[in-house]
Protein backbone atom coordinates (compact mmCIF):
# COMPACT_ATOMS: atom_id res chain seq x y z
CA MET A 1 -0.17 0.30 0.12
CA LYS A 2 0.78 3.63 -0.58
CA PHE A 3 0.20 6.57 2.15
CA THR A 4 0.80 10.58 2.38
CA ALA A 5 0.38 12.91 5.45
CA ALA A 6 0.75 15.99 6.67
CA GLY A 7 0.33 17.29 10.26
CA ASP A 8 -1.20 20.67 11.43
CA ALA A 9 -3.61 22.58 8.88
CA LEU A 10 -4.03 25.43 11.46
CA VAL A 11 -6.48 26.94 8.53
CA GLN A 12 -8.69 29.99 8.97
CA ARG A 13 -10.17 30.95 5.56
CA ARG A 14 -10.61 30.07 2.14
CA ILE A 15 -7.83 28.73 0.12
CA TYR A 16 -8.34 30.59 -3.32
CA GLU A 17 -8.65 28.41 -6.56
CA GLY A 18 -5.46 27.90 -8.38
CA TYR A 19 -3.07 29.50 -6.50
CA GLU A 20 0.49 28.66 -7.92
CA GLY A 21 2.15 25.18 -6.76
CA PHE A 22 -1.43 24.11 -5.43
CA ASP A 23 -1.72 21.32 -8.31
CA LYS A 24 2.10 20.19 -7.56
CA ILE A 25 1.41 19.42 -4.06
CA ARG A 26 -1.90 17.60 -4.57
CA LYS A 27 -0.36 15.42 -7.03
CA TYR A 28 2.09 14.28 -4.44
CA ILE A 29 -0.46 14.07 -1.86
CA GLU A 30 -2.62 12.21 -4.41
CA LYS A 31 0.20 9.43 -4.70
CA GLY A 32 -1.22 7.72 -1.43
CA ASP A 33 -4.00 5.25 -1.14
CA ALA A 34 -4.46 7.12 2.23
CA ARG A 35 -4.25 10.55 2.10
CA PHE A 36 -4.26 11.84 6.24
CA PHE A 37 -4.07 15.36 7.72
CA ASN A 38 -4.79 16.91 11.00
CA LEU A 39 -7.45 19.68 10.73
CA GLU A 40 -6.82 22.40 13.72
CA THR A 41 -9.37 24.29 13.56
CA THR A 42 -13.19 24.20 14.28
CA LEU A 43 -16.01 24.34 12.08
CA ASN A 44 -18.54 26.82 12.47
CA TYR A 45 -20.45 30.13 11.30
CA GLU A 46 -20.30 33.46 13.42
CA GLY A 47 -22.56 33.18 16.35
CA GLU A 48 -23.28 29.44 16.06
CA CYS A 49 -21.63 28.20 19.02
CA TYR A 50 -20.40 29.78 22.51
CA ALA A 51 -16.42 29.95 22.86
CA SER A 52 -14.94 27.53 25.63
CA GLN A 53 -13.50 29.58 28.91
CA PHE A 54 -10.11 27.98 27.57
CA SER A 55 -8.88 27.48 24.44
CA GLY A 56 -6.05 26.15 22.49
CA GLY A 57 -3.97 29.31 22.27
CA THR A 58 -5.53 30.93 19.81
CA TYR A 59 -9.47 30.77 19.45
CA VAL A 60 -9.72 29.41 15.93
CA ARG A 61 -12.62 28.56 13.64
CA THR A 62 -13.56 28.94 10.39
CA ASP A 63 -16.56 28.47 7.73
CA PRO A 64 -17.20 24.83 7.01
CA GLU A 65 -16.45 25.42 3.28
CA VAL A 66 -12.69 25.70 4.63
CA PHE A 67 -13.20 21.91 4.85
CA GLY A 68 -13.82 21.28 1.07
CA ASP A 69 -11.26 23.26 0.11
CA MET A 70 -8.73 21.41 2.14
CA LEU A 71 -9.85 18.30 0.49
CA GLY A 72 -9.06 19.60 -2.86
CA PHE A 73 -5.53 18.83 -1.77
CA GLY A 74 -6.62 15.17 -2.11
CA PHE A 75 -6.82 14.11 1.68
CA ASN A 76 -9.13 11.21 2.14
CA ILE A 77 -8.95 10.78 5.70
CA THR A 78 -8.50 13.12 8.67
CA SER A 79 -8.99 13.85 12.36
CA PHE A 80 -9.21 16.76 14.69
CA ASN A 81 -8.39 15.54 17.94
CA ASN A 82 -6.26 18.35 18.88
CA ASN A 83 -5.56 20.77 21.93
CA HIS A 84 -8.35 23.06 19.67
CA ALA A 85 -10.96 20.95 19.42
CA MET A 86 -13.20 22.31 22.08
CA ASP A 87 -11.97 26.28 21.75
CA PHE A 88 -15.78 26.73 20.62
CA SER A 89 -17.10 24.23 23.73
CA TYR A 90 -19.16 21.38 23.23
CA GLU A 91 -21.59 22.92 20.90
CA GLY A 92 -18.52 23.54 18.75
CA LEU A 93 -17.13 20.05 18.69
CA LEU A 94 -20.31 18.66 17.73
CA LYS A 95 -20.57 21.20 14.66
CA THR A 96 -17.49 20.58 13.78
CA ILE A 97 -18.37 16.54 13.82
CA GLU A 98 -21.62 17.50 11.35
CA TYR A 99 -19.83 19.72 8.91
CA VAL A 100 -17.39 17.08 8.21
CA ASN A 101 -19.43 14.39 8.29
CA GLU A 102 -21.42 16.17 5.20
CA TYR A 103 -18.32 15.52 3.28
CA ASP A 104 -18.71 11.79 4.25
CA ILE A 105 -14.84 11.89 4.97
CA PRO A 106 -13.79 9.16 7.88
CA HIS A 107 -12.33 11.10 11.03
CA SER A 108 -11.39 9.27 14.57
CA GLY A 109 -10.32 10.83 17.97
CA VAL A 110 -13.18 13.02 18.64
CA GLY A 111 -17.09 11.94 19.31
CA ARG A 112 -20.19 12.29 21.67
CA ASN A 113 -18.79 10.05 23.94
CA LEU A 114 -15.24 8.26 24.91
CA ASP A 115 -16.42 5.35 23.21
CA GLU A 116 -17.11 7.02 19.79
CA ALA A 117 -13.84 9.25 20.03
CA SER A 118 -12.03 6.28 20.56
CA ALA A 119 -13.12 4.18 17.94
CA PRO A 120 -11.03 3.48 14.73
CA ALA A 121 -12.14 5.47 11.39
CA TYR A 122 -11.87 2.72 8.04
CA LEU A 123 -10.72 4.02 5.00
CA ASP A 124 -11.56 1.26 2.29
CA THR A 125 -8.78 1.92 -0.71
CA ALA A 126 -8.66 -0.34 -3.62
CA ASN A 127 -5.03 -1.61 -2.40
CA GLY A 128 -6.95 -2.34 1.00
CA ARG A 129 -8.53 -1.02 4.45
CA VAL A 130 -6.77 1.32 6.44
CA ALA A 131 -7.91 2.40 10.06
CA VAL A 132 -6.78 5.54 11.69
CA ILE A 133 -6.95 5.89 15.68
CA SER A 134 -6.58 9.84 16.67
CA VAL A 135 -5.33 10.51 20.45
CA ASN A 136 -3.65 13.96 21.95
CA THR A 137 -1.57 14.18 25.01
CA SER A 138 -2.10 18.08 25.16
CA PHE A 139 -5.28 18.79 26.28
CA ASP A 140 -7.07 20.82 28.71
CA ALA A 141 -9.04 18.32 31.18
CA PRO A 142 -12.95 19.11 30.54
CA MET A 143 -11.84 18.54 26.57
CA MET A 144 -11.69 14.44 27.50
CA ALA A 145 -14.89 12.51 26.09
CA GLY A 146 -16.99 10.92 28.83
CA ILE A 147 -17.66 7.33 29.35
CA GLN A 148 -21.49 6.37 29.26
CA SER A 149 -23.13 4.64 32.15
CA ARG A 150 -26.42 2.47 32.42
CA ARG A 151 -28.56 5.97 33.09
CA VAL A 152 -26.48 8.93 32.27
CA PRO A 153 -24.98 9.78 28.50
CA GLY A 154 -21.44 10.32 27.86
CA ARG A 155 -19.91 13.74 27.37
CA PRO A 156 -18.85 15.08 23.85
CA GLY A 157 -14.96 15.71 23.87
CA ILE A 158 -11.49 13.38 22.73
CA ASN A 159 -9.47 10.68 23.02
CA GLY A 160 -6.69 11.72 25.17
CA ILE A 161 -3.90 10.22 26.45
CA ARG A 162 -3.71 11.74 30.00
CA GLU A 163 0.42 12.02 31.38
CA ASN A 164 1.32 10.86 34.71
CA LYS A 165 4.25 13.30 36.27
CA LYS A 166 6.10 12.52 38.88
CA ILE A 167 8.67 15.57 40.09
CA GLN A 168 12.00 13.45 41.49
CA VAL A 169 14.31 15.48 43.34
CA THR A 170 17.44 14.88 45.61
CA LYS A 171 17.12 15.04 49.68
CA GLU A 172 18.53 18.51 49.42
CA TYR A 173 15.78 19.75 47.72
CA PHE A 174 13.28 17.17 49.00
CA ASP A 175 13.99 19.01 52.65
CA LYS A 176 14.10 22.15 50.92
CA ILE A 177 10.68 21.85 49.42
CA ASN A 178 9.44 20.50 53.15
CA GLU A 179 10.81 23.56 54.75
CA VAL A 180 8.69 26.13 52.06
CA ALA A 181 5.48 24.24 52.72
CA GLU A 182 6.01 24.47 56.66
CA ALA A 183 6.80 28.46 56.11
CA THR A 184 4.56 29.23 53.86
CA GLY A 185 1.15 26.54 55.64
CA ILE A 186 0.49 26.04 52.26
CA ASN A 187 -0.41 22.18 53.31
CA VAL A 188 -2.41 23.07 56.17
CA ALA A 189 -5.62 22.99 54.43
CA LYS A 190 -5.47 19.71 52.94
CA ASN A 191 -3.39 17.89 55.85
CA ILE A 192 -6.61 18.68 57.65
CA THR A 193 -8.68 16.75 54.89
CA ARG A 194 -6.17 13.88 54.53
CA ALA A 195 -6.44 13.19 58.40
CA GLU A 196 -10.08 13.16 58.11
CA GLY A 197 -9.99 10.43 55.63
CA TYR A 198 -10.63 11.93 52.59
CA TYR A 199 -7.35 11.87 50.83
CA PRO A 200 -4.87 8.74 51.69
CA PRO A 201 -1.75 8.89 53.38
CA LEU A 202 1.47 10.43 51.40
CA PRO A 203 3.74 7.47 50.83
CA GLU A 204 7.10 7.27 51.95
CA GLY A 205 9.48 9.54 50.22
CA VAL A 206 7.11 11.69 48.83
CA CYS A 207 5.91 15.43 49.88
CA GLU A 208 3.51 18.07 48.65
CA LEU A 209 3.58 21.24 47.73
CA GLY A 210 -0.11 22.62 46.84
CA ALA A 211 -0.99 20.55 44.16
CA MET A 212 2.35 19.37 43.48
CA GLN A 213 3.85 16.08 44.20
CA PHE A 214 7.65 15.55 44.59
CA VAL A 215 9.20 11.92 45.19
CA LEU A 216 12.60 11.40 46.30
CA GLY A 217 15.40 9.99 44.40
CA ASP A 218 18.85 10.36 43.44
CA GLU A 219 18.79 12.33 40.78
CA CYS A 220 16.21 15.63 39.94
CA LYS A 221 14.14 14.80 37.08
CA VAL A 222 10.75 14.82 35.99
CA ILE A 223 9.28 11.23 34.90
CA SER A 224 6.24 10.99 32.95
CA THR A 225 4.39 7.96 32.01
CA ALA A 226 1.03 7.56 29.94
CA ASN A 227 -2.02 6.74 31.51
CA GLU A 228 -2.78 2.93 31.72
CA LYS A 229 -6.32 3.07 31.58
CA ASP A 230 -5.85 5.13 28.40
CA LEU A 231 -3.22 2.50 27.05
CA GLU A 232 -5.52 0.00 27.80
CA ARG A 233 -8.24 1.83 25.53
CA VAL A 234 -5.33 1.96 22.85
CA LYS A 235 -4.44 -1.67 22.89
CA LYS A 236 -8.26 -2.53 22.42
CA ALA A 237 -8.74 -0.17 19.28
CA VAL A 238 -5.93 -1.48 17.64
CA PHE A 239 -6.86 -5.22 18.31
CA GLU A 240 -10.55 -4.21 16.75
CA ALA A 241 -8.69 -2.71 14.06
CA LYS A 242 -6.44 -5.87 13.19
CA LEU A 243 -10.08 -7.36 12.17
CA GLN A 244 -11.22 -4.45 10.91
CA SER A 245 -8.24 -3.56 8.58
CA ASP A 246 -5.06 -4.21 6.80
CA TYR A 247 -2.94 -1.43 7.79
CA ILE A 248 -3.46 0.61 11.17
CA ILE A 249 -2.16 4.56 11.38
CA ILE A 250 -2.08 6.00 14.91
CA SER A 251 -2.56 9.78 14.90
CA VAL A 252 -0.57 11.47 17.75
CA HIS A 253 -1.22 15.35 18.54
CA SER A 254 1.26 15.95 21.16
CA HIS A 255 3.09 19.45 22.42
CA GLN A 256 5.39 18.15 25.55
CA ILE A 257 8.60 18.52 24.69
CA GLU A 258 12.15 17.28 26.11
CA GLY A 259 14.41 19.83 27.83
CA ALA A 260 14.47 23.31 26.03
CA ASP A 261 14.21 22.24 22.25
CA LYS A 262 10.63 21.88 21.18
CA ALA A 263 12.22 19.91 17.97
CA ASN A 264 13.34 16.98 20.93
CA PRO A 265 10.31 14.78 21.32
CA PRO A 266 9.61 13.55 25.34
CA GLN A 267 10.73 10.20 26.31
CA PHE A 268 6.87 9.95 27.41
CA LEU A 269 6.24 10.64 23.44
CA ILE A 270 8.89 8.31 22.33
CA ASP A 271 7.55 5.18 24.87
CA PHE A 272 4.24 5.80 23.29
CA ALA A 273 4.95 5.71 20.08
CA HIS A 274 7.05 2.36 20.59
CA PHE A 275 4.10 1.15 22.23
CA CYS A 276 1.79 1.39 19.50
CA ILE A 277 4.34 -0.29 17.38
CA ASP A 278 4.46 -3.02 19.71
CA ILE A 279 0.69 -3.68 19.89
CA GLY A 280 0.29 -3.85 16.13
CA ALA A 281 0.08 -0.28 14.14
CA ASN A 282 1.93 -0.17 11.38
CA ALA A 283 2.72 3.85 11.69
CA VAL A 284 2.60 6.76 14.09
CA VAL A 285 1.98 10.17 12.44
CA GLY A 286 2.50 12.97 14.62
CA HIS A 287 1.62 16.60 14.83
CA GLY A 288 1.52 19.06 17.60
CA PRO A 289 4.73 21.67 18.64
CA HIS A 290 4.12 23.19 14.95
CA LEU A 291 7.48 22.22 13.86
CA LEU A 292 9.70 19.04 12.67
CA ARG A 293 10.59 16.33 14.84
CA PRO A 294 12.44 13.19 14.13
CA ILE A 295 12.05 10.48 11.87
CA GLU A 296 12.27 6.82 13.32
CA VAL A 297 11.90 3.50 11.41
CA TYR A 298 10.97 1.21 14.48
CA LYS A 299 10.49 -2.58 13.88
CA ASN A 300 10.57 -1.15 10.29
CA ARG A 301 7.36 1.11 10.80
CA PRO A 302 7.62 4.87 10.68
CA ILE A 303 7.17 6.80 13.61
CA PHE A 304 6.87 10.88 12.39
CA TYR A 305 7.82 12.50 15.82
CA SER A 306 5.91 15.81 14.03
CA LEU A 307 5.15 16.78 10.75
CA GLY A 308 5.04 20.63 11.84
CA ASP A 309 2.93 22.95 9.82
CA PHE A 310 0.71 22.02 6.93
CA VAL A 311 -1.15 25.38 6.95
CA LEU A 312 -0.43 28.27 9.61
CA GLN A 313 -2.86 31.09 9.47
CA LEU A 314 -2.67 32.30 13.11
CA TYR A 315 -3.56 35.91 12.19
CA SER A 316 -6.41 35.17 9.86
CA ILE A 317 -9.17 35.02 12.51
CA SER A 318 -11.71 37.80 11.84
CA PHE A 319 -13.25 37.91 15.34
CA ALA A 320 -12.89 36.58 18.83
CA PRO A 321 -13.66 36.11 22.17
CA GLU A 322 -14.13 38.63 24.98
CA ASP A 323 -11.76 35.99 26.96
CA PHE A 324 -8.98 36.43 24.34
CA TYR A 325 -8.94 39.79 24.38
CA ALA A 326 -8.75 39.94 28.44
CA LYS A 327 -5.91 38.13 28.15
CA GLN A 328 -3.90 40.59 26.64
CA GLY A 329 -5.51 42.69 28.75
CA LEU A 330 -7.68 44.40 25.84
CA ASN A 331 -11.79 44.43 25.48
CA SER A 332 -13.66 43.64 22.01
CA ASP A 333 -13.98 47.23 21.56
CA ASP A 334 -10.46 46.67 20.23
CA THR A 335 -9.68 45.84 16.82
CA VAL A 336 -8.35 41.99 15.99
CA HIS A 337 -5.52 43.74 14.66
CA GLU A 338 -4.57 45.00 17.95
CA LEU A 339 -5.37 41.93 20.14
CA LEU A 340 -2.57 40.30 17.57
CA ALA A 341 -0.23 42.89 17.42
CA LYS A 342 -0.07 43.12 21.56
CA ARG A 343 0.39 39.28 21.52
CA SER A 344 2.79 39.05 18.85
CA ALA A 345 4.95 42.20 19.77
CA ASN A 346 4.00 43.76 16.99
CA PHE A 347 4.22 40.75 14.94
CA THR A 348 8.03 39.96 15.66
CA ARG A 349 7.19 36.99 18.13
CA GLY A 350 5.01 33.74 17.83
CA LEU A 351 4.57 31.12 15.22
CA MET A 352 4.30 32.79 12.43
CA ALA A 353 7.66 35.14 12.96
CA GLN A 354 9.65 31.73 13.05
CA LYS A 355 11.07 30.30 9.73
CA VAL A 356 11.38 26.70 11.47
CA MET A 357 7.74 26.65 12.15
CA ASN A 358 7.15 27.15 8.47
CA GLU A 359 9.08 24.39 6.90
CA THR A 360 7.53 20.99 6.62
CA VAL A 361 7.45 17.64 5.12
CA ILE A 362 4.89 15.79 3.25
CA PRO A 363 6.23 11.95 3.71
CA TYR A 364 5.25 9.38 1.07
CA TRP A 365 5.74 5.63 2.10
CA GLU A 366 5.21 2.08 0.66
CA THR A 367 4.43 -1.46 2.72
CA ASP A 368 4.70 -5.07 1.92
CA GLU A 369 1.95 -7.37 2.18
CA ASN A 370 3.07 -7.44 6.02
CA GLY A 371 2.36 -4.14 6.59
CA ASP A 372 6.04 -3.28 6.64
CA LEU A 373 8.06 -0.51 5.33
CA THR A 374 9.83 -1.01 1.88
CA TYR A 375 10.23 2.66 0.97
CA LEU A 376 9.89 6.29 2.23
CA GLU A 377 10.50 10.04 1.05
CA LEU A 378 9.59 13.10 2.05
CA LEU A 379 8.45 16.47 0.08
CA PRO A 380 10.22 19.90 1.53
CA LEU A 381 7.55 22.55 1.69
CA GLU A 382 7.79 26.02 3.04
CA LEU A 383 4.70 27.73 3.96
CA SER A 384 4.73 31.51 2.84
CA MET A 385 5.71 33.79 5.22
CA GLY A 386 5.95 38.01 4.15
CA GLY A 387 4.48 37.94 1.18
CA LYS A 388 0.47 38.02 -0.24
CA LYS A 389 -1.95 37.94 2.50
CA SER A 390 -3.99 35.49 0.24
CA ASP A 391 -0.46 33.32 0.30
CA GLU A 392 0.04 33.66 4.05
CA GLY A 393 0.60 30.53 5.50
CA LEU A 394 -0.30 28.33 2.60
CA PRO A 395 2.53 25.78 1.43
CA PHE A 396 4.44 25.99 -1.57
CA THR A 397 7.49 23.58 -3.00
CA THR A 398 10.76 24.85 -2.02
CA LYS A 399 13.88 24.72 -3.42
CA ASP A 400 15.35 25.92 -0.01
CA THR A 401 15.90 22.52 1.43
CA GLY A 402 18.85 23.20 4.07
CA PHE A 403 15.96 22.60 6.62
CA ILE A 404 16.20 18.93 5.47
CA GLU A 405 19.85 18.71 6.58
CA ARG A 406 18.39 19.77 10.33
CA LEU A 407 16.13 17.10 9.98
CA ALA A 408 18.50 14.64 9.10
CA LYS A 409 20.69 15.90 11.86
CA MET A 410 17.62 15.32 14.32
CA SER A 411 16.80 12.17 12.99
CA LYS A 412 20.11 10.11 12.87
CA PRO A 413 20.69 9.33 16.14
CA PHE A 414 16.91 7.35 15.69
CA GLY A 415 18.63 5.19 13.20
CA THR A 416 17.59 7.03 10.47
CA GLU A 417 19.39 8.49 7.22
CA ILE A 418 18.00 11.29 5.05
CA LYS A 419 19.40 12.95 2.12
CA MET A 420 18.00 14.94 -1.13
CA LYS A 421 17.73 13.37 -4.49
CA GLY A 422 16.33 15.55 -7.08
CA ASP A 423 13.05 17.34 -5.49
CA VAL A 424 12.60 14.95 -2.63
CA ALA A 425 14.42 13.60 0.50
CA VAL A 426 14.72 9.88 0.53
CA CYS A 427 14.90 8.15 4.08
CA THR A 428 17.25 4.85 4.69
CA TRP A 429 17.07 3.05 8.19
């Protein structure tokens, strides 16, 4: 089988017909039997939905017709399970499901309850049936879909992978944290409640500072693991997909980083990607941090830790909720221009001001009858920056492929070699 995929499409306006380079990109995407992208916006009309109290950063929404424009690139399966899925609350999420369904495109990761959100989506092609299971590791707690009980409907939301974090510190810091807690009295109320039996006793070697827990260890570090119930849910979905499909793709939206470099995938994400392959997935397609991350071939299965942005149009919102203005010390008597200018320091900082956030690739890969990888190449793209407003944030093929060297360097420790060959970058492992 043959596959193509793209990262985040944070698309906020109509894509004008026949823009230069569109046909070449569409032709490349259509090389795949299955052609996936992440829709990082909500679909609803102005005034149709309330804004949520929280957002993924920018409150993003666009008119439903924009989804049709995205399908013009040739994509045939999608997910919108990301940190923006509930920017316009439950109604915005449900409207997005409704409008995507009107285009009869398979999607996974978001649903009217947790069973629906965690179920695989299936795409039938002439060369086989593909399942996509979509998860999200970066989300506000209310976004998690709910399980239905015998008498209460499930809660709409996303298929989340909750992160269990432990902050490990040495005895020196452990003692200092206890001193700070004692001096400030931050734990007093919780300690009283714990003594009344509402919280379990703290285990040996664990201390608290308000909501934060610390464990005693021989070095200072953050230890992150995935919630076991969430892993079991993914395992169950993969097991089901094995019966129903020939090939399984896991879509992962994740913003977590390792250290101070956004390009470094955290060990938490690496462990999860390996887990997915170990239980039977054939590929892991990552997105979320808005830039490229390493490519790994693990057990002859590709892992794209992040494909970056396919479309990035953060400056194309035409209106915003009061909550968004308030975060910048403004109100809705101010213009969107003033709002975005203030947040971006007059458009000198943020995602759209950084070239690295506007460099991406479309992978094309082929597999054998066992679902193992036999060939992998990448089409380099750049998103338009600083040119015509009608082109802003749209993808274009590029001859400035220096960023492929950076991708090759970060992928080499994962066992992947990447070299330009003509207009594409060919991967070996």
